[in-house]
Amino acid sequence: MAVQKDRKTRSRRDMRRSHDALSPATVSTDATTGDRHLRHHVSAEGFYRGRRIFTPKPPKPAETEN
């Protein structure tokens, strides 16, 4: 089993973690509908780059349990 020889300093630890930060998701606005969506993804309305790719299905009605 590997055991470290010396304790790593706070500086070394933080330098190692300097690239671990998360960046916010890049969000675009569709020119046709104005919907916000992730870049290079189809919007919820079915548009991609101003063209309708598919027609979204209507939501199912909620079922009630008795």
PDB file of N, CA and C in Angstrom:
ATOM      1  N   MET A   1       0.843  -1.170   0.000  1.00  0.00           N
ATOM      2  CA  MET A   1       0.000   0.000   0.000  1.00  0.00           C
ATOM      3  C   MET A   1       0.895   1.241   0.000  1.00  0.00           C
ATOM      4  N   ALA A   2       0.553   2.212  -0.826  1.00  0.00           N
ATOM      5  CA  ALA A   2       1.366   3.421  -0.935  1.00  0.00           C
ATOM      6  C   ALA A   2       1.123   4.341   0.251  1.00  0.00           C
ATOM      7  N   VAL A   3       2.211   4.831   0.822  1.00  0.00           N
ATOM      8  CA  VAL A   3       2.130   5.759   1.949  1.00  0.00           C
ATOM      9  C   VAL A   3       2.966   6.982   1.586  1.00  0.00           C
ATOM     10  N   GLN A   4       2.386   8.149   1.748  1.00  0.00           N
ATOM     11  CA  GLN A   4       3.135   9.353   1.384  1.00  0.00           C
ATOM     12  C   GLN A   4       4.324   9.552   2.308  1.00  0.00           C
ATOM     13  N   LYS A   5       5.398  10.102   1.748  1.00  0.00           N
ATOM     14  CA  LYS A   5       6.626  10.286   2.509  1.00  0.00           C
ATOM     15  C   LYS A   5       6.533  11.518   3.406  1.00  0.00           C
ATOM     16  N   ASP A   6       6.003  12.609   2.861  1.00  0.00           N
ATOM     17  CA  ASP A   6       5.879  13.851   3.610  1.00  0.00           C
ATOM     18  C   ASP A   6       4.477  14.410   3.442  1.00  0.00           C
ATOM     19  N   ARG A   7       4.060  15.181   4.418  1.00  0.00           N
ATOM     20  CA  ARG A   7       2.747  15.812   4.363  1.00  0.00           C
ATOM     21  C   ARG A   7       2.750  16.903   3.289  1.00  0.00           C
ATOM     22  N   LYS A   8       1.686  16.943   2.503  1.00  0.00           N
ATOM     23  CA  LYS A   8       1.551  17.970   1.475  1.00  0.00           C
ATOM     24  C   LYS A   8       1.072  19.264   2.121  1.00  0.00           C
ATOM     25  N   THR A   9       1.647  20.365   1.725  1.00  0.00           N
ATOM     26  CA  THR A   9       1.293  21.656   2.311  1.00  0.00           C
ATOM     27  C   THR A   9      -0.029  22.167   1.749  1.00  0.00           C
ATOM     28  N   ARG A  10      -0.591  23.151   2.410  1.00  0.00           N
ATOM     29  CA  ARG A  10      -1.837  23.772   1.928  1.00  0.00           C
ATOM     30  C   ARG A  10      -1.639  24.367   0.547  1.00  0.00           C
ATOM     31  N   SER A  11      -0.465  24.912   0.329  1.00  0.00           N
ATOM     32  CA  SER A  11      -0.167  25.534  -0.958  1.00  0.00           C
ATOM     33  C   SER A  11      -0.195  24.498  -2.084  1.00  0.00           C
ATOM     34  N   ARG A  12       0.482  23.372  -1.868  1.00  0.00           N
ATOM     35  CA  ARG A  12       0.494  22.315  -2.885  1.00  0.00           C
ATOM     36  C   ARG A  12      -0.910  21.764  -3.124  1.00  0.00           C
ATOM     37  N   ARG A  13      -1.666  21.568  -2.045  1.00  0.00           N
ATOM     38  CA  ARG A  13      -3.026  21.060  -2.159  1.00  0.00           C
ATOM     39  C   ARG A  13      -3.880  22.027  -2.984  1.00  0.00           C
ATOM     40  N   ASP A  14      -3.786  23.312  -2.683  1.00  0.00           N
ATOM     41  CA  ASP A  14      -4.594  24.297  -3.390  1.00  0.00           C
ATOM     42  C   ASP A  14      -4.171  24.459  -4.843  1.00  0.00           C
ATOM     43  N   MET A  15      -2.869  24.331  -5.101  1.00  0.00           N
ATOM     44  CA  MET A  15      -2.408  24.392  -6.493  1.00  0.00           C
ATOM     45  C   MET A  15      -2.962  23.218  -7.288  1.00  0.00           C
ATOM     46  N   ARG A  16      -3.029  22.048  -6.676  1.00  0.00           N
ATOM     47  CA  ARG A  16      -3.581  20.884  -7.353  1.00  0.00           C
ATOM     48  C   ARG A  16      -5.058  21.077  -7.660  1.00  0.00           C
ATOM     49  N   ARG A  17      -5.774  21.732  -6.746  1.00  0.00           N
ATOM     50  CA  ARG A  17      -7.220  21.930  -6.911  1.00  0.00           C
ATOM     51  C   ARG A  17      -7.575  23.153  -7.745  1.00  0.00           C
ATOM     52  N   SER A  18      -6.597  23.865  -8.259  1.00  0.00           N
ATOM     53  CA  SER A  18      -6.877  25.119  -8.963  1.00  0.00           C
ATOM     54  C   SER A  18      -7.709  24.919 -10.227  1.00  0.00           C
ATOM     55  N   HIS A  19      -7.703  23.731 -10.787  1.00  0.00           N
ATOM     56  CA  HIS A  19      -8.453  23.469 -12.017  1.00  0.00           C
ATOM     57  C   HIS A  19      -9.780  22.761 -11.752  1.00  0.00           C
ATOM     58  N   ASP A  20     -10.155  22.580 -10.493  1.00  0.00           N
ATOM     59  CA  ASP A  20     -11.347  21.815 -10.154  1.00  0.00           C
ATOM     60  C   ASP A  20     -12.619  22.651 -10.076  1.00  0.00           C
ATOM     61  N   ALA A  21     -12.535  23.960 -10.239  1.00  0.00           N
ATOM     62  CA  ALA A  21     -13.711  24.816 -10.093  1.00  0.00           C
ATOM     63  C   ALA A  21     -14.711  24.534 -11.213  1.00  0.00           C
ATOM     64  N   LEU A  22     -15.996  24.612 -10.883  1.00  0.00           N
ATOM     65  CA  LEU A  22     -17.054  24.395 -11.866  1.00  0.00           C
ATOM     66  C   LEU A  22     -17.418  25.723 -12.504  1.00  0.00           C
ATOM     67  N   SER A  23     -17.653  25.700 -13.797  1.00  0.00           N
ATOM     68  CA  SER A  23     -18.083  26.913 -14.491  1.00  0.00           C
ATOM     69  C   SER A  23     -19.595  26.837 -14.697  1.00  0.00           C
ATOM     70  N   PRO A  24     -20.289  27.966 -14.744  1.00  0.00           N
ATOM     71  CA  PRO A  24     -21.733  27.934 -14.948  1.00  0.00           C
ATOM     72  C   PRO A  24     -22.064  27.414 -16.347  1.00  0.00           C
ATOM     73  N   ALA A  25     -23.227  26.792 -16.466  1.00  0.00           N
ATOM     74  CA  ALA A  25     -23.663  26.245 -17.748  1.00  0.00           C
ATOM     75  C   ALA A  25     -23.885  27.374 -18.748  1.00  0.00           C
ATOM     76  N   THR A  26     -23.473  27.160 -19.991  1.00  0.00           N
ATOM     77  CA  THR A  26     -23.655  28.148 -21.036  1.00  0.00           C
ATOM     78  C   THR A  26     -25.068  28.010 -21.583  1.00  0.00           C
ATOM     79  N   VAL A  27     -25.862  29.046 -21.421  1.00  0.00           N
ATOM     80  CA  VAL A  27     -27.263  29.011 -21.812  1.00  0.00           C
ATOM     81  C   VAL A  27     -27.481  29.975 -22.962  1.00  0.00           C
ATOM     82  N   SER A  28     -28.229  29.550 -23.970  1.00  0.00           N
ATOM     83  CA  SER A  28     -28.540  30.385 -25.121  1.00  0.00           C
ATOM     84  C   SER A  28     -30.034  30.647 -25.180  1.00  0.00           C
ATOM     85  N   THR A  29     -30.406  31.687 -25.902  1.00  0.00           N
ATOM     86  CA  THR A  29     -31.811  32.014 -26.124  1.00  0.00           C
ATOM     87  C   THR A  29     -32.130  31.731 -27.584  1.00  0.00           C
ATOM     88  N   ASP A  30     -33.183  30.956 -27.824  1.00  0.00           N
ATOM     89  CA  ASP A  30     -33.586  30.626 -29.183  1.00  0.00           C
ATOM     90  C   ASP A  30     -34.155  31.864 -29.858  1.00  0.00           C
ATOM     91  N   ALA A  31     -33.741  32.115 -31.098  1.00  0.00           N
ATOM     92  CA  ALA A  31     -34.171  33.315 -31.812  1.00  0.00           C
ATOM     93  C   ALA A  31     -35.656  33.263 -32.182  1.00  0.00           C
ATOM     94  N   THR A  32     -36.195  32.077 -32.418  1.00  0.00           N
ATOM     95  CA  THR A  32     -37.579  31.945 -32.856  1.00  0.00           C
ATOM     96  C   THR A  32     -38.563  32.044 -31.697  1.00  0.00           C
ATOM     97  N   THR A  33     -38.330  31.269 -30.646  1.00  0.00           N
ATOM     98  CA  THR A  33     -39.295  31.205 -29.544  1.00  0.00           C
ATOM     99  C   THR A  33     -38.887  32.005 -28.316  1.00  0.00           C
ATOM    100  N   GLY A  34     -37.600  32.325 -28.198  1.00  0.00           N
ATOM    101  CA  GLY A  34     -37.135  33.030 -27.010  1.00  0.00           C
ATOM    102  C   GLY A  34     -36.880  32.112 -25.829  1.00  0.00           C
ATOM    103  N   ASP A  35     -36.991  30.801 -26.036  1.00  0.00           N
ATOM    104  CA  ASP A  35     -36.723  29.836 -24.969  1.00  0.00           C
ATOM    105  C   ASP A  35     -35.230  29.804 -24.660  1.00  0.00           C
ATOM    106  N   ARG A  36     -34.923  29.552 -23.393  1.00  0.00           N
ATOM    107  CA  ARG A  36     -33.530  29.390 -22.985  1.00  0.00           C
ATOM    108  C   ARG A  36     -33.209  27.901 -22.949  1.00  0.00           C
ATOM    109  N   HIS A  37     -32.042  27.541 -23.487  1.00  0.00           N
ATOM    110  CA  HIS A  37     -31.638  26.141 -23.552  1.00  0.00           C
ATOM    111  C   HIS A  37     -30.125  26.059 -23.504  1.00  0.00           C
ATOM    112  N   LEU A  38     -29.613  24.852 -23.237  1.00  0.00           N
ATOM    113  CA  LEU A  38     -28.173  24.641 -23.258  1.00  0.00           C
ATOM    114  C   LEU A  38     -27.656  24.776 -24.685  1.00  0.00           C
ATOM    115  N   ARG A  39     -26.427  25.261 -24.818  1.00  0.00           N
ATOM    116  CA  ARG A  39     -25.836  25.414 -26.145  1.00  0.00           C
ATOM    117  C   ARG A  39     -25.762  24.058 -26.844  1.00  0.00           C
ATOM    118  N   HIS A  40     -26.048  24.050 -28.134  1.00  0.00           N
ATOM    119  CA  HIS A  40     -26.002  22.868 -28.987  1.00  0.00           C
ATOM    120  C   HIS A  40     -27.012  21.808 -28.566  1.00  0.00           C
ATOM    121  N   HIS A  41     -28.088  22.208 -27.897  1.00  0.00           N
ATOM    122  CA  HIS A  41     -29.156  21.294 -27.521  1.00  0.00           C
ATOM    123  C   HIS A  41     -30.477  21.840 -28.061  1.00  0.00           C
ATOM    124  N   VAL A  42     -31.432  20.951 -28.261  1.00  0.00           N
ATOM    125  CA  VAL A  42     -32.765  21.332 -28.716  1.00  0.00           C
ATOM    126  C   VAL A  42     -33.512  21.966 -27.547  1.00  0.00           C
ATOM    127  N   SER A  43     -34.297  23.018 -27.819  1.00  0.00           N
ATOM    128  CA  SER A  43     -35.074  23.656 -26.754  1.00  0.00           C
ATOM    129  C   SER A  43     -36.275  22.777 -26.404  1.00  0.00           C
ATOM    130  N   ALA A  44     -36.956  23.115 -25.331  1.00  0.00           N
ATOM    131  CA  ALA A  44     -38.102  22.323 -24.878  1.00  0.00           C
ATOM    132  C   ALA A  44     -39.251  22.375 -25.886  1.00  0.00           C
ATOM    133  N   GLU A  45     -39.306  23.419 -26.673  1.00  0.00           N
ATOM    134  CA  GLU A  45     -40.359  23.556 -27.688  1.00  0.00           C
ATOM    135  C   GLU A  45     -40.044  22.784 -28.966  1.00  0.00           C
ATOM    136  N   GLY A  46     -38.848  22.202 -29.072  1.00  0.00           N
ATOM    137  CA  GLY A  46     -38.485  21.402 -30.233  1.00  0.00           C
ATOM    138  C   GLY A  46     -37.734  22.172 -31.299  1.00  0.00           C
ATOM    139  N   PHE A  47     -37.213  23.358 -30.979  1.00  0.00           N
ATOM    140  CA  PHE A  47     -36.492  24.165 -31.958  1.00  0.00           C
ATOM    141  C   PHE A  47     -34.990  24.024 -31.764  1.00  0.00           C
ATOM    142  N   TYR A  48     -34.257  24.018 -32.883  1.00  0.00           N
ATOM    143  CA  TYR A  48     -32.802  24.049 -32.859  1.00  0.00           C
ATOM    144  C   TYR A  48     -32.349  24.970 -33.970  1.00  0.00           C
ATOM    145  N   ARG A  49     -31.637  26.023 -33.612  1.00  0.00           N
ATOM    146  CA  ARG A  49     -31.127  27.019 -34.548  1.00  0.00           C
ATOM    147  C   ARG A  49     -32.231  27.597 -35.424  1.00  0.00           C
ATOM    148  N   GLY A  50     -33.389  27.870 -34.832  1.00  0.00           N
ATOM    149  CA  GLY A  50     -34.479  28.526 -35.550  1.00  0.00           C
ATOM    150  C   GLY A  50     -35.399  27.599 -36.320  1.00  0.00           C
ATOM    151  N   ARG A  51     -35.087  26.311 -36.372  1.00  0.00           N
ATOM    152  CA  ARG A  51     -35.943  25.359 -37.099  1.00  0.00           C
ATOM    153  C   ARG A  51     -36.597  24.416 -36.118  1.00  0.00           C
ATOM    154  N   ARG A  52     -37.848  24.022 -36.418  1.00  0.00           N
ATOM    155  CA  ARG A  52     -38.535  23.039 -35.586  1.00  0.00           C
ATOM    156  C   ARG A  52     -38.037  21.659 -35.976  1.00  0.00           C
ATOM    157  N   ILE A  53     -37.462  20.961 -35.018  1.00  0.00           N
ATOM    158  CA  ILE A  53     -36.909  19.630 -35.256  1.00  0.00           C
ATOM    159  C   ILE A  53     -37.969  18.564 -34.977  1.00  0.00           C
ATOM    160  N   PHE A  54     -38.747  18.758 -33.924  1.00  0.00           N
ATOM    161  CA  PHE A  54     -39.805  17.808 -33.597  1.00  0.00           C
ATOM    162  C   PHE A  54     -40.923  18.556 -32.888  1.00  0.00           C
ATOM    163  N   THR A  55     -42.090  17.927 -32.829  1.00  0.00           N
ATOM    164  CA  THR A  55     -43.220  18.486 -32.105  1.00  0.00           C
ATOM    165  C   THR A  55     -43.288  17.794 -30.750  1.00  0.00           C
ATOM    166  N   PRO A  56     -43.179  18.560 -29.652  1.00  0.00           N
ATOM    167  CA  PRO A  56     -43.200  17.910 -28.334  1.00  0.00           C
ATOM    168  C   PRO A  56     -44.564  17.304 -28.033  1.00  0.00           C
ATOM    169  N   LYS A  57     -44.549  16.185 -27.306  1.00  0.00           N
ATOM    170  CA  LYS A  57     -45.789  15.526 -26.920  1.00  0.00           C
ATOM    171  C   LYS A  57     -46.465  16.323 -25.816  1.00  0.00           C
ATOM    172  N   PRO A  58     -47.809  16.339 -25.782  1.00  0.00           N
ATOM    173  CA  PRO A  58     -48.485  17.026 -24.676  1.00  0.00           C
ATOM    174  C   PRO A  58     -48.247  16.271 -23.366  1.00  0.00           C
ATOM    175  N   PRO A  59     -48.176  16.971 -22.240  1.00  0.00           N
ATOM    176  CA  PRO A  59     -47.923  16.284 -20.963  1.00  0.00           C
ATOM    177  C   PRO A  59     -49.079  15.373 -20.583  1.00  0.00           C
ATOM    178  N   LYS A  60     -48.745  14.260 -19.930  1.00  0.00           N
ATOM    179  CA  LYS A  60     -49.768  13.320 -19.486  1.00  0.00           C
ATOM    180  C   LYS A  60     -50.496  13.910 -18.277  1.00  0.00           C
ATOM    181  N   PRO A  61     -51.794  13.657 -18.176  1.00  0.00           N
ATOM    182  CA  PRO A  61     -52.506  14.131 -16.984  1.00  0.00           C
ATOM    183  C   PRO A  61     -52.055  13.364 -15.735  1.00  0.00           C
ATOM    184  N   ALA A  62     -52.016  14.043 -14.624  1.00  0.00           N
ATOM    185  CA  ALA A  62     -51.568  13.420 -13.386  1.00  0.00           C
ATOM    186  C   ALA A  62     -52.615  12.401 -12.914  1.00  0.00           C
ATOM    187  N   GLU A  63     -52.121  11.228 -12.521  1.00  0.00           N
ATOM    188  CA  GLU A  63     -53.021  10.198 -12.024  1.00  0.00           C
ATOM    189  C   GLU A  63     -53.188  10.348 -10.510  1.00  0.00           C
ATOM    190  N   THR A  64     -54.397  10.183 -10.042  1.00  0.00           N
ATOM    191  CA  THR A  64     -54.636  10.259  -8.604  1.00  0.00           C
ATOM    192  C   THR A  64     -54.771   8.855  -8.047  1.00  0.00           C
ATOM    193  N   GLU A  65     -54.180   8.643  -6.879  1.00  0.00           N
ATOM    194  CA  GLU A  65     -54.258   7.330  -6.241  1.00  0.00           C
ATOM    195  C   GLU A  65     -55.402   7.332  -5.247  1.00  0.00           C
ATOM    196  N   ASN A  66     -56.183   6.266  -5.249  1.00  0.00           N
ATOM    197  CA  ASN A  66     -57.308   6.138  -4.306  1.00  0.00           C
ATOM    198  C   ASN A  66     -57.047   5.047  -3.323  1.00  0.00           C
TER     199      ASN A  66
END
